Amino acid sequence: MFDRSKLPPLSPFLLARIAEMLALPWRACRLRSCRRRGRCCRVSRNTQQPFCLRNLDAGQRAQFDAVAEEVRDIVDYSWFFSRLTFASPYRDTRALQDAGMAVARTVRSGASLREFRAFAAMRAARPPAEYDGEEPPLPKGW
């Protein structure tokens, strides 16, 4: 594996789409404009993150970060000839990948969206998840 701390931070736009997919503007945000519009309306200038992320506890923030990393990977590596299909045979991991696909689709447009649709069709042709739980970690040295 590589050190994810060296990657650039996620864009505020992408973080806002992830928060909206998880219904944070309705459930966790204290800003009235976000709750009324059902989307993230404000981003902190200091952290470049939506305001609703401040209201998450450590466990919820860890889950949000897991979805954010999955979305980053899907946005970066979702092209038709990619060997990464993001179609795990484990149900919990597949659910996380499905959430990532839903967010990644919202940030695409034009020719990039056509490419993403081809990737999504290729991914949909993969067999469904058959094992319970999350994918086991790779052994050391991989």
Protein backbone atom coordinates (compact mmCIF):
# COMPACT_ATOMS: atom_id res chain seq x y z
CA MET A 1 0.00 0.00 0.00
CA PHE A 2 1.05 3.59 -0.31
CA ASP A 3 0.88 6.49 2.10
CA ARG A 4 -2.47 8.23 1.60
CA SER A 5 -1.33 11.24 3.63
CA LYS A 6 0.75 12.36 0.62
CA LEU A 7 -2.33 12.67 -1.60
CA PRO A 8 -3.78 16.15 -2.10
CA PRO A 9 -6.87 16.95 -0.02
CA LEU A 10 -10.27 16.26 -1.53
CA SER A 11 -11.99 19.20 -3.17
CA PRO A 12 -14.75 20.97 -1.22
CA PHE A 13 -17.15 20.22 -4.09
CA LEU A 14 -16.51 16.48 -3.81
CA LEU A 15 -16.77 16.54 0.00
CA ALA A 16 -20.10 18.36 -0.27
CA ARG A 17 -21.46 15.75 -2.72
CA ILE A 18 -20.40 12.96 -0.32
CA ALA A 19 -22.08 14.74 2.60
CA GLU A 20 -25.27 15.16 0.56
CA MET A 21 -25.28 11.47 -0.38
CA LEU A 22 -25.08 10.59 3.31
CA ALA A 23 -27.92 13.07 4.09
CA LEU A 24 -25.74 15.17 6.39
CA PRO A 25 -27.38 18.50 5.46
CA TRP A 26 -30.72 17.15 6.73
CA ARG A 27 -29.49 15.17 9.72
CA ALA A 28 -26.32 16.78 11.09
CA CYS A 29 -25.96 20.33 9.80
CA ARG A 30 -26.86 23.19 12.12
CA LEU A 31 -27.13 25.71 9.30
CA ARG A 32 -30.72 26.45 8.40
CA SER A 33 -29.95 27.13 4.73
CA CYS A 34 -28.38 23.66 4.33
CA ARG A 35 -31.35 21.92 5.97
CA ARG A 36 -33.87 23.82 3.86
CA ARG A 37 -32.12 23.31 0.53
CA GLY A 38 -31.05 19.75 1.31
CA ARG A 39 -27.49 20.40 0.18
CA CYS A 40 -24.27 21.80 1.56
CA CYS A 41 -24.35 25.58 1.23
CA ARG A 42 -21.30 26.61 3.24
CA VAL A 43 -17.71 25.49 3.32
CA SER A 44 -15.25 26.44 6.05
CA ARG A 45 -12.50 28.73 4.78
CA ASN A 46 -9.91 27.26 7.13
CA THR A 47 -10.45 23.54 6.51
CA GLN A 48 -12.10 23.67 3.05
CA GLN A 49 -14.75 21.21 4.30
CA PRO A 50 -18.54 21.46 4.62
CA PHE A 51 -19.75 22.81 7.97
CA CYS A 52 -21.76 19.67 8.76
CA LEU A 53 -18.57 17.62 9.17
CA ARG A 54 -17.88 19.48 12.43
CA ASN A 55 -20.95 17.85 13.98
CA LEU A 56 -19.83 14.25 13.42
CA ASP A 57 -18.33 12.19 16.24
CA ALA A 58 -15.15 10.15 15.73
CA GLY A 59 -16.91 6.99 14.51
CA GLN A 60 -19.12 8.86 12.06
CA ARG A 61 -16.15 10.84 10.79
CA ALA A 62 -14.18 7.63 10.24
CA GLN A 63 -17.06 6.24 8.14
CA PHE A 64 -17.28 9.51 6.19
CA ASP A 65 -13.54 9.39 5.51
CA ALA A 66 -13.81 5.76 4.33
CA VAL A 67 -16.50 6.76 1.82
CA ALA A 68 -14.43 9.79 0.78
CA GLU A 69 -11.35 7.65 0.08
CA GLU A 70 -13.46 5.19 -1.92
CA VAL A 71 -14.93 8.06 -3.95
CA ARG A 72 -11.43 9.45 -4.58
CA ASP A 73 -10.29 6.07 -5.89
CA ILE A 74 -13.36 5.65 -8.10
CA VAL A 75 -13.06 9.16 -9.55
CA ASP A 76 -9.36 8.63 -10.27
CA TYR A 77 -9.47 5.06 -11.63
CA SER A 78 -12.91 4.59 -13.20
CA TRP A 79 -12.23 4.27 -16.89
CA PHE A 80 -13.39 1.50 -19.19
CA PHE A 81 -10.04 -0.27 -19.61
CA SER A 82 -9.18 -0.12 -15.92
CA ARG A 83 -8.33 -3.37 -14.17
CA LEU A 84 -9.90 -2.00 -10.99
CA THR A 85 -13.60 -2.81 -11.20
CA PHE A 86 -14.65 -1.76 -7.69
CA ALA A 87 -16.87 -4.86 -7.55
CA SER A 88 -15.82 -6.71 -4.41
CA PRO A 89 -17.26 -10.17 -3.67
CA TYR A 90 -17.79 -9.08 -0.03
CA ARG A 91 -21.14 -7.44 0.75
CA ASP A 92 -20.00 -4.67 3.11
CA THR A 93 -17.15 -3.64 0.84
CA ARG A 94 -19.49 -3.71 -2.18
CA ALA A 95 -21.96 -1.45 -0.35
CA LEU A 96 -19.16 1.06 0.25
CA GLN A 97 -18.16 0.83 -3.42
CA ASP A 98 -21.79 1.31 -4.52
CA ALA A 99 -21.98 4.49 -2.44
CA GLY A 100 -18.73 5.67 -4.02
CA MET A 101 -20.09 5.00 -7.50
CA ALA A 102 -23.23 7.03 -6.74
CA VAL A 103 -21.18 10.05 -5.69
CA ALA A 104 -18.60 9.70 -8.47
CA ARG A 105 -21.39 9.75 -11.05
CA THR A 106 -22.59 13.16 -9.83
CA VAL A 107 -19.22 14.83 -10.38
CA ARG A 108 -18.86 13.73 -14.02
CA SER A 109 -20.12 15.54 -17.11
CA GLY A 110 -19.76 15.44 -20.88
CA ALA A 111 -17.32 12.94 -22.38
CA SER A 112 -16.15 11.99 -18.90
CA LEU A 113 -19.73 10.99 -18.04
CA ARG A 114 -19.97 8.77 -21.13
CA GLU A 115 -16.73 7.06 -20.13
CA PHE A 116 -18.05 6.63 -16.59
CA ARG A 117 -21.30 5.11 -17.85
CA ALA A 118 -19.32 2.54 -19.84
CA PHE A 119 -17.31 1.76 -16.71
CA ALA A 120 -20.52 1.44 -14.65
CA ALA A 121 -22.01 -0.93 -17.24
CA MET A 122 -18.87 -3.06 -17.14
CA ARG A 123 -19.03 -3.08 -13.34
CA ALA A 124 -22.72 -4.03 -13.36
CA ALA A 125 -21.88 -7.09 -15.47
CA ARG A 126 -19.68 -8.44 -12.66
CA PRO A 127 -21.20 -11.15 -10.42
CA PRO A 128 -23.01 -9.95 -7.28
CA ALA A 129 -21.40 -10.02 -3.85
CA GLU A 130 -21.49 -13.49 -2.34
CA TYR A 131 -19.61 -13.28 0.98
CA ASP A 132 -20.71 -11.55 4.18
CA GLY A 133 -18.61 -8.91 5.87
CA GLU A 134 -15.72 -6.81 4.70
CA GLU A 135 -12.85 -7.78 2.49
CA PRO A 136 -9.95 -9.15 4.55
CA PRO A 137 -6.79 -7.04 4.60
CA LEU A 138 -3.85 -8.00 2.42
CA PRO A 139 -1.00 -9.82 4.14
CA LYS A 140 2.12 -7.85 4.99
CA GLY A 141 4.56 -7.47 2.15
CA TRP A 142 1.97 -7.06 -0.63
